[in-house]
């Protein structure tokens, strides 16, 4: 189940200059790891927040963390200056530190193991080619309002998947 709307804005035309500035907040949740999981995102653009969420019957927490950011990025209709805020160090370090090495090493880790969630990393990398993205980490469950809301969206989506079993 994925809740989404039409693209959040139109890309600027040649006469409009700068790219839109977008803030994305994302989180993932899994009830059991692996188990039923969910993700939640907030996309903030032009003073408007749009909430997105979805889930999967059998997944991992890391997969849901990546999916939350990916689905939010996919909701953008044109190139943007984006700040993605998440409590997932896996996502932040993956995109800002590890990705180039994985690609250079044929999608192998430093210990020569296949990179987990490769398809999601490849999709995130494709989105990163469209946008200028700044990846920000915040401590989870520490009072960050948007992170807490994304956590609620993700947990609600995971609970929905659990009930469907």
C-alpha atoms as a PDB file:
ATOM      1  CA  UNK A   1       0.000   0.000   0.000  1.00  0.00           C
ATOM      2  CA  UNK A   2       1.405   3.341  -1.019  1.00  0.00           C
ATOM      3  CA  UNK A   3      -0.302   6.661  -0.423  1.00  0.00           C
ATOM      4  CA  UNK A   4       0.820   9.336  -2.826  1.00  0.00           C
ATOM      5  CA  UNK A   5      -0.450  12.288  -4.736  1.00  0.00           C
ATOM      6  CA  UNK A   6       0.377  13.849  -8.066  1.00  0.00           C
ATOM      7  CA  UNK A   7       3.853  15.392  -8.331  1.00  0.00           C
ATOM      8  CA  UNK A   8       4.217  18.123  -5.769  1.00  0.00           C
ATOM      9  CA  UNK A   9       5.209  20.938  -8.133  1.00  0.00           C
ATOM     10  CA  UNK A  10       6.245  21.660 -11.672  1.00  0.00           C
ATOM     11  CA  UNK A  11       9.896  22.028 -12.506  1.00  0.00           C
ATOM     12  CA  UNK A  12      10.937  25.623 -13.092  1.00  0.00           C
ATOM     13  CA  UNK A  13      10.995  26.769 -16.684  1.00  0.00           C
ATOM     14  CA  UNK A  14      14.078  28.345 -18.238  1.00  0.00           C
ATOM     15  CA  UNK A  15      12.897  31.802 -17.215  1.00  0.00           C
ATOM     16  CA  UNK A  16      12.326  30.928 -13.553  1.00  0.00           C
ATOM     17  CA  UNK A  17      15.933  30.409 -12.532  1.00  0.00           C
ATOM     18  CA  UNK A  18      16.803  28.405  -9.430  1.00  0.00           C
ATOM     19  CA  UNK A  19      15.668  24.903  -8.625  1.00  0.00           C
ATOM     20  CA  UNK A  20      12.902  24.518  -6.058  1.00  0.00           C
ATOM     21  CA  UNK A  21      14.081  23.856  -2.522  1.00  0.00           C
ATOM     22  CA  UNK A  22      12.552  20.762  -1.000  1.00  0.00           C
ATOM     23  CA  UNK A  23      12.875  19.208   2.438  1.00  0.00           C
ATOM     24  CA  UNK A  24      12.261  15.487   2.811  1.00  0.00           C
ATOM     25  CA  UNK A  25      11.940  13.679   6.121  1.00  0.00           C
ATOM     26  CA  UNK A  26      11.845   9.875   5.989  1.00  0.00           C
ATOM     27  CA  UNK A  27      11.714   6.885   8.293  1.00  0.00           C
ATOM     28  CA  UNK A  28      11.170   3.150   8.125  1.00  0.00           C
ATOM     29  CA  UNK A  29       9.831   0.546  10.523  1.00  0.00           C
ATOM     30  CA  UNK A  30       9.670  -3.216  10.716  1.00  0.00           C
ATOM     31  CA  UNK A  31       7.664  -5.356  13.151  1.00  0.00           C
ATOM     32  CA  UNK A  32      10.178  -8.151  13.415  1.00  0.00           C
ATOM     33  CA  UNK A  33      13.290  -7.933  11.282  1.00  0.00           C
ATOM     34  CA  UNK A  34      12.453  -9.399   8.848  1.00  0.00           C
ATOM     35  CA  UNK A  35       8.714  -9.008   9.123  1.00  0.00           C
ATOM     36  CA  UNK A  36       5.899  -6.704   8.045  1.00  0.00           C
ATOM     37  CA  UNK A  37       7.225  -3.211   7.571  1.00  0.00           C
ATOM     38  CA  UNK A  38       6.328   0.321   6.641  1.00  0.00           C
ATOM     39  CA  UNK A  39       7.839   3.622   5.635  1.00  0.00           C
ATOM     40  CA  UNK A  40       6.733   7.205   6.038  1.00  0.00           C
ATOM     41  CA  UNK A  41       7.878  10.454   4.485  1.00  0.00           C
ATOM     42  CA  UNK A  42       7.077  14.135   4.603  1.00  0.00           C
ATOM     43  CA  UNK A  43       7.833  16.236   1.533  1.00  0.00           C
ATOM     44  CA  UNK A  44       7.933  19.966   2.257  1.00  0.00           C
ATOM     45  CA  UNK A  45       7.819  22.278  -0.737  1.00  0.00           C
ATOM     46  CA  UNK A  46       6.575  25.850  -1.107  1.00  0.00           C
ATOM     47  CA  UNK A  47       5.386  25.880   2.505  1.00  0.00           C
ATOM     48  CA  UNK A  48       3.232  22.784   2.021  1.00  0.00           C
ATOM     49  CA  UNK A  49       3.758  19.366   3.625  1.00  0.00           C
ATOM     50  CA  UNK A  50       2.675  16.190   1.875  1.00  0.00           C
ATOM     51  CA  UNK A  51       2.758  12.900   3.774  1.00  0.00           C
ATOM     52  CA  UNK A  52       3.528   9.652   1.981  1.00  0.00           C
ATOM     53  CA  UNK A  53       3.533   6.133   3.385  1.00  0.00           C
ATOM     54  CA  UNK A  54       3.471   2.519   2.357  1.00  0.00           C
ATOM     55  CA  UNK A  55       4.492  -0.925   3.429  1.00  0.00           C
ATOM     56  CA  UNK A  56       5.430  -4.444   2.559  1.00  0.00           C
ATOM     57  CA  UNK A  57       4.344  -7.742   4.071  1.00  0.00           C
ATOM     58  CA  UNK A  58       7.847  -9.217   4.380  1.00  0.00           C
ATOM     59  CA  UNK A  59      10.795  -6.850   4.577  1.00  0.00           C
ATOM     60  CA  UNK A  60      13.611  -5.484   6.723  1.00  0.00           C
ATOM     61  CA  UNK A  61      13.991  -2.236   8.602  1.00  0.00           C
ATOM     62  CA  UNK A  62      16.829  -1.114   6.316  1.00  0.00           C
ATOM     63  CA  UNK A  63      14.728  -1.767   3.219  1.00  0.00           C
ATOM     64  CA  UNK A  64      11.949   0.416   4.630  1.00  0.00           C
ATOM     65  CA  UNK A  65      14.392   3.195   5.592  1.00  0.00           C
ATOM     66  CA  UNK A  66      15.662   3.318   1.998  1.00  0.00           C
ATOM     67  CA  UNK A  67      12.174   3.085   0.533  1.00  0.00           C
ATOM     68  CA  UNK A  68      10.911   6.048   2.542  1.00  0.00           C
ATOM     69  CA  UNK A  69      13.553   8.344   1.070  1.00  0.00           C
ATOM     70  CA  UNK A  70      13.250   6.847  -2.408  1.00  0.00           C
ATOM     71  CA  UNK A  71       9.477   7.242  -2.645  1.00  0.00           C
ATOM     72  CA  UNK A  72       9.694  10.848  -1.472  1.00  0.00           C
ATOM     73  CA  UNK A  73      12.348  11.631  -4.090  1.00  0.00           C
ATOM     74  CA  UNK A  74      10.285   9.904  -6.786  1.00  0.00           C
ATOM     75  CA  UNK A  75       7.325  12.152  -5.933  1.00  0.00           C
ATOM     76  CA  UNK A  76       9.221  15.230  -7.154  1.00  0.00           C
ATOM     77  CA  UNK A  77       8.385  16.251 -10.696  1.00  0.00           C
ATOM     78  CA  UNK A  78      11.611  18.035 -11.555  1.00  0.00           C
ATOM     79  CA  UNK A  79      15.201  18.711 -10.526  1.00  0.00           C
ATOM     80  CA  UNK A  80      15.369  20.197  -7.037  1.00  0.00           C
ATOM     81  CA  UNK A  81      17.719  21.210  -4.264  1.00  0.00           C
ATOM     82  CA  UNK A  82      16.788  18.650  -1.633  1.00  0.00           C
ATOM     83  CA  UNK A  83      17.662  18.091   2.000  1.00  0.00           C
ATOM     84  CA  UNK A  84      16.811  14.561   3.133  1.00  0.00           C
ATOM     85  CA  UNK A  85      16.626  14.182   6.913  1.00  0.00           C
ATOM     86  CA  UNK A  86      16.518  10.691   8.407  1.00  0.00           C
ATOM     87  CA  UNK A  87      17.455   8.807  11.553  1.00  0.00           C
ATOM     88  CA  UNK A  88      19.062   6.075   9.427  1.00  0.00           C
ATOM     89  CA  UNK A  89      22.845   6.188   9.441  1.00  0.00           C
ATOM     90  CA  UNK A  90      22.672   3.303   6.958  1.00  0.00           C
ATOM     91  CA  UNK A  91      20.936   5.594   4.456  1.00  0.00           C
ATOM     92  CA  UNK A  92      23.060   8.681   5.120  1.00  0.00           C
ATOM     93  CA  UNK A  93      26.408   6.854   5.093  1.00  0.00           C
ATOM     94  CA  UNK A  94      25.358   4.705   2.150  1.00  0.00           C
ATOM     95  CA  UNK A  95      24.555   7.713  -0.011  1.00  0.00           C
ATOM     96  CA  UNK A  96      27.347  10.008   1.173  1.00  0.00           C
ATOM     97  CA  UNK A  97      30.236   7.625   1.898  1.00  0.00           C
ATOM     98  CA  UNK A  98      29.791   4.080   0.584  1.00  0.00           C
ATOM     99  CA  UNK A  99      27.928   4.320  -2.741  1.00  0.00           C
ATOM    100  CA  UNK A 100      30.852   5.364  -4.958  1.00  0.00           C
ATOM    101  CA  UNK A 101      32.994   2.520  -3.633  1.00  0.00           C
ATOM    102  CA  UNK A 102      30.241  -0.035  -4.128  1.00  0.00           C
ATOM    103  CA  UNK A 103      29.809   1.032  -7.735  1.00  0.00           C
ATOM    104  CA  UNK A 104      33.578   1.076  -8.333  1.00  0.00           C
ATOM    105  CA  UNK A 105      33.833  -2.435  -6.805  1.00  0.00           C
ATOM    106  CA  UNK A 106      31.019  -3.928  -8.880  1.00  0.00           C
ATOM    107  CA  UNK A 107      28.438  -3.681  -6.064  1.00  0.00           C
ATOM    108  CA  UNK A 108      30.639  -5.491  -3.561  1.00  0.00           C
ATOM    109  CA  UNK A 109      31.320  -4.314  -0.023  1.00  0.00           C
ATOM    110  CA  UNK A 110      34.819  -3.792   1.358  1.00  0.00           C
ATOM    111  CA  UNK A 111      34.673  -7.436   2.496  1.00  0.00           C
ATOM    112  CA  UNK A 112      33.825  -8.541  -1.080  1.00  0.00           C
ATOM    113  CA  UNK A 113      30.210  -9.417  -0.180  1.00  0.00           C
ATOM    114  CA  UNK A 114      27.301  -8.384  -2.426  1.00  0.00           C
ATOM    115  CA  UNK A 115      25.727  -5.093  -1.340  1.00  0.00           C
ATOM    116  CA  UNK A 116      22.374  -5.713   0.358  1.00  0.00           C
ATOM    117  CA  UNK A 117      19.369  -3.847  -1.076  1.00  0.00           C
ATOM    118  CA  UNK A 118      21.264  -3.144  -4.289  1.00  0.00           C
ATOM    119  CA  UNK A 119      18.109  -2.390  -6.294  1.00  0.00           C
ATOM    120  CA  UNK A 120      17.095   0.299  -3.815  1.00  0.00           C
ATOM    121  CA  UNK A 121      20.598   1.800  -3.754  1.00  0.00           C
ATOM    122  CA  UNK A 122      20.606   1.893  -7.561  1.00  0.00           C
ATOM    123  CA  UNK A 123      17.214   3.620  -7.582  1.00  0.00           C
ATOM    124  CA  UNK A 124      18.384   6.132  -4.962  1.00  0.00           C
ATOM    125  CA  UNK A 125      21.516   6.773  -7.013  1.00  0.00           C
ATOM    126  CA  UNK A 126      19.356   7.438 -10.088  1.00  0.00           C
ATOM    127  CA  UNK A 127      17.356   9.975  -8.075  1.00  0.00           C
ATOM    128  CA  UNK A 128      20.594  11.545  -6.833  1.00  0.00           C
ATOM    129  CA  UNK A 129      21.565  12.183 -10.472  1.00  0.00           C
ATOM    130  CA  UNK A 130      18.382  14.272 -10.968  1.00  0.00           C
ATOM    131  CA  UNK A 131      18.628  16.388  -7.838  1.00  0.00           C
ATOM    132  CA  UNK A 132      21.210  18.093  -5.647  1.00  0.00           C
ATOM    133  CA  UNK A 133      20.767  16.213  -2.381  1.00  0.00           C
ATOM    134  CA  UNK A 134      22.130  16.912   1.075  1.00  0.00           C
ATOM    135  CA  UNK A 135      21.810  13.912   3.414  1.00  0.00           C
ATOM    136  CA  UNK A 136      21.243  14.783   7.083  1.00  0.00           C
ATOM    137  CA  UNK A 137      21.153  12.451  10.079  1.00  0.00           C
ATOM    138  CA  UNK A 138      19.119  13.116  13.232  1.00  0.00           C
ATOM    139  CA  UNK A 139      18.900  10.980  16.335  1.00  0.00           C
ATOM    140  CA  UNK A 140      15.701   8.921  16.259  1.00  0.00           C
ATOM    141  CA  UNK A 141      13.079   9.200  18.990  1.00  0.00           C
ATOM    142  CA  UNK A 142      14.671  12.400  20.236  1.00  0.00           C
ATOM    143  CA  UNK A 143      11.859  14.902  19.795  1.00  0.00           C
ATOM    144  CA  UNK A 144      12.495  15.938  16.171  1.00  0.00           C
ATOM    145  CA  UNK A 145       8.897  16.684  15.127  1.00  0.00           C
ATOM    146  CA  UNK A 146       9.105  15.579  11.500  1.00  0.00           C
ATOM    147  CA  UNK A 147      11.112  12.464  12.339  1.00  0.00           C
ATOM    148  CA  UNK A 148       8.558  11.528  14.993  1.00  0.00           C
ATOM    149  CA  UNK A 149       5.704  12.010  12.488  1.00  0.00           C
ATOM    150  CA  UNK A 150       7.493   9.872   9.885  1.00  0.00           C
ATOM    151  CA  UNK A 151       8.020   7.213  12.549  1.00  0.00           C
ATOM    152  CA  UNK A 152       4.271   7.223  13.241  1.00  0.00           C
ATOM    153  CA  UNK A 153       3.472   6.950   9.517  1.00  0.00           C
ATOM    154  CA  UNK A 154       5.946   4.076   9.141  1.00  0.00           C
ATOM    155  CA  UNK A 155       4.657   2.206  12.186  1.00  0.00           C
ATOM    156  CA  UNK A 156       1.042   2.654  11.080  1.00  0.00           C
ATOM    157  CA  UNK A 157       1.920   1.270   7.636  1.00  0.00           C
ATOM    158  CA  UNK A 158       3.771  -1.675   9.220  1.00  0.00           C
ATOM    159  CA  UNK A 159       0.811  -2.389  11.507  1.00  0.00           C
ATOM    160  CA  UNK A 160      -1.483  -2.359   8.468  1.00  0.00           C
ATOM    161  CA  UNK A 161       0.761  -4.947   6.792  1.00  0.00           C
ATOM    162  CA  UNK A 162       0.745  -7.048   9.950  1.00  0.00           C
ATOM    163  CA  UNK A 163      -3.074  -7.036  10.098  1.00  0.00           C
ATOM    164  CA  UNK A 164      -3.259  -8.160   6.462  1.00  0.00           C
ATOM    165  CA  UNK A 165      -1.316 -11.362   7.207  1.00  0.00           C
END
